[in-house]
Amino acid sequence: MVTEQEFNLIEKRLEAWNEKFLIVSVGFGNFTKDQILEHVKARDEIGQKIAEIQLYYLKKLKERG
């Protein structure tokens, strides 16, 4: 489960992305940066999954350093 603090971190990270950024997810569809942010802010199923993926990426990035 993603904590509120982690959601806030992910929101800030997504806000910094390029406006042309697009995510394609099998089973969920295509999402623009703004759509991704809406889901993360709503804390819905898609937002939860995006946050989990982002946290996994950040943890793996930290392990490499």
Protein backbone atom coordinates (compact mmCIF):
# COMPACT_ATOMS: atom_id res chain seq x y z
CA MET A 1 0.00 0.00 0.00
CA VAL A 2 1.29 3.42 -0.96
CA THR A 3 1.38 5.97 1.86
CA GLU A 4 0.13 9.54 1.59
CA GLN A 5 3.70 10.85 1.75
CA GLU A 6 4.71 8.54 -1.12
CA PHE A 7 1.73 9.69 -3.19
CA ASN A 8 2.84 13.30 -2.65
CA LEU A 9 6.36 12.42 -3.80
CA ILE A 10 5.02 10.71 -6.92
CA GLU A 11 2.76 13.69 -7.70
CA LYS A 12 5.73 16.07 -7.58
CA ARG A 13 7.75 13.70 -9.74
CA LEU A 14 4.99 13.45 -12.36
CA GLU A 15 4.47 17.22 -12.41
CA ALA A 16 8.10 17.59 -13.53
CA TRP A 17 7.60 15.30 -16.56
CA ASN A 18 7.49 16.65 -20.11
CA GLU A 19 3.97 17.58 -21.30
CA LYS A 20 4.32 15.23 -24.29
CA PHE A 21 4.89 12.19 -22.05
CA LEU A 22 2.57 9.25 -22.67
CA ILE A 23 2.20 5.97 -20.78
CA VAL A 24 0.77 2.88 -22.43
CA SER A 25 -0.29 0.06 -20.14
CA VAL A 26 -1.67 -3.29 -21.22
CA GLY A 27 -5.06 -3.71 -19.58
CA PHE A 28 -5.40 -0.04 -18.61
CA GLY A 29 -4.87 1.93 -21.85
CA ASN A 30 -3.00 5.07 -22.92
CA PHE A 31 -2.54 8.03 -20.60
CA THR A 32 -1.18 11.54 -21.05
CA LYS A 33 0.76 13.26 -18.29
CA ASP A 34 -2.37 15.14 -17.16
CA GLN A 35 -4.48 11.96 -17.09
CA ILE A 36 -1.80 10.18 -15.06
CA LEU A 37 -1.72 13.04 -12.57
CA GLU A 38 -5.53 12.98 -12.28
CA HIS A 39 -5.48 9.28 -11.40
CA VAL A 40 -2.66 9.67 -8.90
CA LYS A 41 -4.40 12.63 -7.22
CA ALA A 42 -7.69 10.67 -7.13
CA ARG A 43 -5.87 7.73 -5.48
CA ASP A 44 -7.94 5.37 -7.65
CA GLU A 45 -6.92 1.91 -8.91
CA ILE A 46 -4.90 3.27 -11.82
CA GLY A 47 -3.28 5.93 -9.65
CA GLN A 48 -2.37 3.29 -7.09
CA LYS A 49 -0.73 1.11 -9.76
CA ILE A 50 1.19 4.05 -11.25
CA ALA A 51 2.44 5.03 -7.78
CA GLU A 52 3.55 1.45 -7.07
CA ILE A 53 5.46 1.30 -10.36
CA GLN A 54 7.12 4.66 -9.71
CA LEU A 55 8.14 3.62 -6.19
CA TYR A 56 9.55 0.34 -7.50
CA TYR A 57 11.59 2.29 -10.08
CA LEU A 58 12.91 4.72 -7.46
CA LYS A 59 13.89 1.89 -5.10
CA LYS A 60 15.75 0.07 -7.89
CA LEU A 61 17.47 3.31 -8.89
CA LYS A 62 18.62 3.80 -5.29
CA GLU A 63 20.00 0.24 -5.15
CA ARG A 64 22.18 0.91 -8.21
CA GLY A 65 23.74 4.02 -6.63
